[in-house]
Amino acid sequence: MSFTGFETLTDGEELVRTCCERNQLQNPIFISTSESSGNLSNYAISDAPDHDLEIPGETILCKSDAEDKYWPASLINYLGIRNRDSIISTFDHTSRSEKYYSVEFFDGTCSEVPRSFFFTLAEREFHTVKVGRIKTTEMKYKEFLPILIEILPDVEEILAGTASDDGVKQRHDNFLESHHGRNSIINDVVIYGQYSDRLVYQVTIYLRDRYLKNGVPSAGLIDSRIFRLSEADQLTYFSHIIVPEVILLVTMKEFLQDPSIPGLDTRTAALEALKKVDIVDLVNFFRKNPRKDL
């Protein structure tokens, strides 16, 4: 069979290149932005983050790869438009380009994922997709107690009214001086970080009993006004004044022992860390309490 007659055709590679250039001039890039119902929806869009996303900090359920399980995560940053596949059909300018975002998963690992890999609170799928099984290790009281013993000298300074931190000393005085100051502190938001309610209660009871009921030698240094409180107010004093400071001191100690953490204001850094809401708890709450308009 002779192929004479085809020799005058334009080189194949040149023809493909020319077609691509014409196609790109005539057609905008289409971006895939959602994977709802298993279908990708495509529409022309500029290279910018979705306007309805809070960056950084948006709570999401995200896949780490193409598998079907989703995990609690939060958005970090917008990365721009990328092609999902390394090999792209010459004539296919739809369904392969997506907006990419950097995300941090619940376990601290980070990843760069396309928009179709995650759902936000505003999407119905956030409340219905399958979430991977998460195993958490809760700090036990018997594990916390040795750490607590190490900072008892700091606790005793607070009880004596001589805390090194002026803010803690002021809260101590306000609580003991008047009902108004006491009520103001009770109504404040108390930060216990990610420690369980059970652990917080056990630490509160341990410290109250140690200093007010068991007559430890250092009891003579305790501010006498504490002994004049009712039992209920004594318990509140420990839960709202002493235990939050204990947890903060423990966190500061952890920061000081971690060489990877820069030597900044340790107290401020520890406080910010304790304020951080556990993303797993946050996701569980929102899945149990979906928006009424979904």
Foldseek 3Di string as FASTA:
>chain_A
DDPPPCPPDDDPVVVLVVVLVVCPVVDAFWAFQACPPNDTDIDHDDFDDDPPADEFFFWKWFDQDPDQATFTKTFHFWDTKDFQDPDDDSPDRPDGIFTWTWIATLVGDIDIDGNHGIDGLVDPVLLPGHHDDDDDDADDLVNCVVLLVVCVVQLLCLQLLNHPDPVLSVLSCLCLPDPVSVVVLVPDDQFLAPHDPVNLLVVLVVVCCVQPPPCDVSVVSGDVSLNVDDPVSNSVCCSRRPSSVSSLVSQLVVLVPDPVRDPDDSSVVSVVNSPDDNSVVVSVVCSVPGDPVD
